[in-house]
Amino acid sequence: MAVIHRTFLKPGKLELLTSWLPTRPWYRGGAAGPELAKAGGFRLDDPDGAVGIEFMVVTDVSGAEPVTYLVPLTYRDAPLDGAEHALVGTAEHGVLGRRWVYDGCHDPVLVTELLALVEGTAQAQDQNVSDTPAPDVSRSRSGEAPLAPDLGRVPADDRDGTDLPLSQGTTLRVRRLLRPAPDGAPVLPPGAIGHVAAPWNLPDGTRTKGLIAVLHSGRGTEE
């Protein structure tokens, strides 16, 4: 079970993301860079206890309208081989020392645990409290065939999200631009066979919920 340490991280997560987000194809903020605030999120546990896994939600108010992003992150105590393109940055942790922070959609540990969440064999955890489930994170899955990454294909980023290619022709679409579901009740797009939905806070302080990942039976296109 992951332990949440009450200590410092330098630079902080929002500082790292302020530099990194403008380099992403889904960035919609102002030319001078984002103005970020934490809006929500949750964690997953690495069964081996080696990698920190966080699904962070941040809102950017630098543009004409606020934009909310999902940023899956992993925290490691050494560089991940072959993942230089996915490095968000490095930071000093007050307890754990230097941490390498990665875009988790390109980290196999996060992908494996996200698939376990979709399948119902992993439990979302509170973002800020150790050993505490996050009951507002919901999921579904139709079918029983195990989900596994397609090792012959790599995750693909585009202007709205990231497609994680899976075995048996399925795709898990991770939404980077988050949109509130009508009345807080997420509706799956046509062809979806599973999902993960999570809550976050809007700029006015109200709580909402929306889809963060959608499992498709094909190579994953959405509305």
Protein backbone atom coordinates (compact mmCIF):
# COMPACT_ATOMS: atom_id res chain seq x y z
CA MET A 1 0.00 0.00 0.00
CA ALA A 2 1.38 3.41 -1.01
CA VAL A 3 2.31 5.76 1.84
CA ILE A 4 1.59 9.47 1.47
CA HIS A 5 4.51 11.40 2.98
CA ARG A 6 3.87 14.83 4.49
CA THR A 7 6.98 16.49 3.13
CA PHE A 8 8.25 18.73 0.33
CA LEU A 9 8.79 18.13 -3.36
CA LYS A 10 11.07 20.61 -5.14
CA PRO A 11 10.15 21.68 -7.71
CA GLY A 12 6.50 21.01 -6.93
CA LYS A 13 4.14 19.09 -9.20
CA LEU A 14 2.40 22.20 -10.51
CA GLU A 15 5.77 23.76 -11.30
CA LEU A 16 6.80 20.69 -13.30
CA LEU A 17 3.50 20.66 -15.18
CA THR A 18 3.68 24.38 -15.95
CA SER A 19 6.79 23.72 -18.03
CA TRP A 20 5.67 20.39 -19.47
CA LEU A 21 2.05 20.91 -20.49
CA PRO A 22 2.74 23.47 -23.26
CA THR A 23 4.81 20.80 -25.03
CA ARG A 24 1.81 18.46 -25.28
CA PRO A 25 -0.53 18.23 -28.31
CA TRP A 26 -3.58 18.61 -26.06
CA TYR A 27 -2.48 21.89 -24.48
CA ARG A 28 -5.15 24.58 -24.89
CA GLY A 29 -3.82 27.34 -22.61
CA GLY A 30 -2.35 30.74 -23.21
CA ALA A 31 0.88 31.40 -25.10
CA ALA A 32 2.59 32.63 -21.93
CA GLY A 33 2.06 29.25 -20.27
CA PRO A 34 -0.58 27.70 -18.03
CA GLU A 35 -1.87 29.02 -14.72
CA LEU A 36 -2.60 25.79 -12.89
CA ALA A 37 -4.57 24.78 -9.82
CA LYS A 38 -5.05 21.30 -8.46
CA ALA A 39 -8.62 20.12 -9.08
CA GLY A 40 -8.66 16.48 -7.94
CA GLY A 41 -7.37 13.03 -8.69
CA PHE A 42 -6.64 9.63 -7.16
CA ARG A 43 -3.86 7.08 -6.82
CA LEU A 44 -3.25 3.45 -7.65
CA ASP A 45 -0.90 1.10 -5.84
CA ASP A 46 2.07 -0.59 -7.44
CA PRO A 47 1.95 -4.18 -6.05
CA ASP A 48 5.75 -4.16 -5.89
CA GLY A 49 5.79 -0.90 -3.94
CA ALA A 50 8.46 0.62 -6.19
CA VAL A 51 6.58 3.14 -8.34
CA GLY A 52 4.25 5.90 -7.22
CA ILE A 53 1.13 6.19 -9.39
CA GLU A 54 -1.07 9.29 -9.40
CA PHE A 55 -3.88 10.46 -11.66
CA MET A 56 -3.75 14.21 -11.18
CA VAL A 57 -6.45 16.62 -12.37
CA VAL A 58 -5.45 20.25 -12.86
CA THR A 59 -7.34 23.26 -14.17
CA ASP A 60 -5.67 25.93 -16.30
CA VAL A 61 -7.15 29.45 -16.30
CA SER A 62 -4.60 31.05 -18.63
CA GLY A 63 -6.84 30.98 -21.71
CA ALA A 64 -10.20 32.47 -22.62
CA GLU A 65 -11.97 29.61 -20.81
CA PRO A 66 -10.77 27.30 -18.02
CA VAL A 67 -9.42 23.95 -19.26
CA THR A 68 -9.18 20.85 -17.11
CA TYR A 69 -6.48 18.28 -17.82
CA LEU A 70 -5.92 14.73 -16.65
CA VAL A 71 -2.24 14.07 -16.00
CA PRO A 72 -1.36 10.46 -15.08
CA LEU A 73 2.03 10.54 -13.37
CA THR A 74 4.52 7.99 -12.11
CA TYR A 75 7.29 8.65 -9.60
CA ARG A 76 10.46 6.53 -9.74
CA ASP A 77 13.76 6.41 -7.88
CA ALA A 78 15.75 5.92 -11.11
CA PRO A 79 15.26 6.69 -14.81
CA LEU A 80 12.92 4.41 -16.78
CA ASP A 81 14.82 2.87 -19.68
CA GLY A 82 13.59 4.00 -23.08
CA ALA A 83 11.18 6.59 -21.66
CA GLU A 84 13.16 9.80 -22.14
CA HIS A 85 10.34 11.15 -24.33
CA ALA A 86 7.89 10.74 -21.43
CA LEU A 87 9.94 12.44 -18.71
CA VAL A 88 8.04 15.32 -17.12
CA GLY A 89 11.01 16.27 -14.94
CA THR A 90 12.97 15.42 -11.80
CA ALA A 91 12.34 16.62 -8.27
CA GLU A 92 13.76 16.23 -4.77
CA HIS A 93 11.46 14.49 -2.29
CA GLY A 94 11.99 15.29 1.38
CA VAL A 95 11.90 11.61 2.38
CA LEU A 96 12.59 9.56 -0.75
CA GLY A 97 15.27 11.70 -2.39
CA ARG A 98 15.45 12.32 -6.12
CA ARG A 99 12.37 11.25 -8.06
CA TRP A 100 12.00 10.89 -11.81
CA VAL A 101 8.49 11.97 -12.81
CA TYR A 102 6.97 10.47 -15.97
CA ASP A 103 3.86 10.81 -18.09
CA GLY A 104 2.26 7.63 -16.80
CA CYS A 105 0.56 6.69 -20.06
CA HIS A 106 4.06 5.76 -21.25
CA ASP A 107 5.01 3.87 -18.07
CA PRO A 108 4.16 0.14 -18.11
CA VAL A 109 3.53 0.02 -14.35
CA LEU A 110 0.79 2.64 -14.52
CA VAL A 111 -0.75 1.08 -17.64
CA THR A 112 -0.89 -2.35 -15.98
CA GLU A 113 -2.59 -1.00 -12.87
CA LEU A 114 -5.01 1.15 -14.88
CA LEU A 115 -6.10 -1.96 -16.78
CA ALA A 116 -6.54 -3.74 -13.46
CA LEU A 117 -8.77 -0.86 -12.34
CA VAL A 118 -10.91 -1.20 -15.48
CA GLU A 119 -11.17 -4.95 -14.87
CA GLY A 120 -12.14 -4.44 -11.25
CA THR A 121 -9.08 -6.13 -9.73
CA ALA A 122 -7.48 -2.90 -8.46
CA GLN A 123 -8.99 -0.30 -6.13
CA ALA A 124 -8.58 3.44 -6.65
CA GLN A 125 -6.99 5.10 -3.62
CA ASP A 126 -7.42 8.54 -2.09
CA GLN A 127 -5.02 11.09 -3.53
CA ASN A 128 -3.94 12.51 -0.19
CA VAL A 129 -4.53 9.90 2.54
CA SER A 130 -2.66 6.60 2.92
CA ASP A 131 -4.53 3.29 2.88
CA THR A 132 -7.87 4.92 2.02
CA PRO A 133 -10.03 3.91 -0.97
CA ALA A 134 -11.48 6.52 -3.33
CA PRO A 135 -15.11 5.32 -3.63
CA ASP A 136 -16.16 8.07 -6.06
CA VAL A 137 -13.94 6.59 -8.80
CA SER A 138 -16.16 4.24 -10.82
CA ARG A 139 -15.43 1.67 -13.52
CA SER A 140 -17.07 -0.89 -15.77
CA ARG A 141 -16.05 -3.61 -18.16
CA SER A 142 -17.99 -5.96 -20.44
CA GLY A 143 -16.31 -9.21 -21.49
CA GLU A 144 -13.99 -11.48 -19.57
CA ALA A 145 -10.83 -11.75 -21.68
CA PRO A 146 -7.85 -10.36 -19.72
CA LEU A 147 -6.65 -6.92 -20.76
CA ALA A 148 -2.97 -6.53 -21.58
CA PRO A 149 -0.87 -4.01 -23.53
CA ASP A 150 -0.11 -4.80 -27.15
CA LEU A 151 3.67 -4.82 -26.99
CA GLY A 152 3.91 -4.43 -30.76
CA ARG A 153 2.37 -0.95 -30.67
CA VAL A 154 3.16 2.14 -28.64
CA PRO A 155 0.81 4.63 -26.94
CA ALA A 156 -0.28 7.40 -29.30
CA ASP A 157 -0.88 11.00 -28.18
CA ASP A 158 -3.17 13.33 -30.11
CA ARG A 159 -4.98 16.63 -29.58
CA ASP A 160 -7.46 15.25 -27.07
CA GLY A 161 -5.93 12.21 -25.41
CA THR A 162 -3.77 9.12 -25.51
CA ASP A 163 -4.64 5.74 -27.03
CA LEU A 164 -3.19 2.74 -25.21
CA PRO A 165 -3.17 -0.21 -27.66
CA LEU A 166 -4.21 -3.47 -26.01
CA SER A 167 -4.26 -7.12 -26.93
CA GLN A 168 -7.15 -8.64 -28.88
CA GLY A 169 -7.67 -5.44 -30.87
CA THR A 170 -8.95 -3.32 -28.00
CA THR A 171 -7.83 0.22 -27.11
CA LEU A 172 -8.00 2.17 -23.88
CA ARG A 173 -8.53 5.83 -24.63
CA VAL A 174 -7.21 8.09 -21.86
CA ARG A 175 -8.86 11.49 -22.03
CA ARG A 176 -6.46 14.35 -21.37
CA LEU A 177 -9.07 17.12 -21.75
CA LEU A 178 -11.77 16.49 -19.18
CA ARG A 179 -15.40 17.47 -19.60
CA PRO A 180 -18.09 17.21 -16.92
CA ALA A 181 -20.73 14.59 -17.57
CA PRO A 182 -24.32 15.87 -17.76
CA ASP A 183 -25.76 15.76 -14.23
CA GLY A 184 -22.56 14.03 -13.10
CA ALA A 185 -23.60 10.75 -14.73
CA PRO A 186 -20.98 9.70 -17.33
CA VAL A 187 -22.39 8.28 -20.56
CA LEU A 188 -20.21 5.93 -22.58
CA PRO A 189 -19.70 6.73 -26.28
CA PRO A 190 -20.87 4.26 -28.95
CA GLY A 191 -18.74 1.14 -29.13
CA ALA A 192 -17.34 1.49 -25.61
CA ILE A 193 -17.00 -1.71 -23.59
CA GLY A 194 -15.62 -0.23 -20.38
CA HIS A 195 -14.66 2.95 -18.60
CA VAL A 196 -13.16 4.75 -15.62
CA ALA A 197 -14.81 7.91 -14.31
CA ALA A 198 -13.59 10.21 -11.54
CA PRO A 199 -14.66 13.43 -9.79
CA TRP A 200 -12.91 16.80 -9.69
CA ASN A 201 -13.61 20.37 -8.61
CA LEU A 202 -14.70 23.07 -11.04
CA PRO A 203 -13.19 26.59 -10.76
CA ASP A 204 -16.28 27.78 -8.87
CA GLY A 205 -15.75 25.09 -6.24
CA THR A 206 -18.58 22.78 -7.26
CA ARG A 207 -17.90 19.07 -7.60
CA THR A 208 -18.38 17.27 -10.91
CA LYS A 209 -17.55 13.91 -12.47
CA GLY A 210 -16.62 12.71 -15.94
CA LEU A 211 -14.98 9.99 -17.99
CA ILE A 212 -11.21 9.79 -17.77
CA ALA A 213 -10.67 6.56 -19.73
CA VAL A 214 -12.82 4.60 -22.18
CA LEU A 215 -12.24 1.03 -23.35
CA HIS A 216 -13.04 0.47 -27.04
CA SER A 217 -13.43 -2.79 -28.91
CA GLY A 218 -11.42 -1.41 -31.85
CA ARG A 219 -8.55 1.01 -32.35
CA GLY A 220 -10.36 3.67 -30.49
CA THR A 221 -11.92 6.75 -32.02
CA GLU A 222 -14.32 8.95 -30.10
CA GLU A 223 -16.72 11.77 -30.63
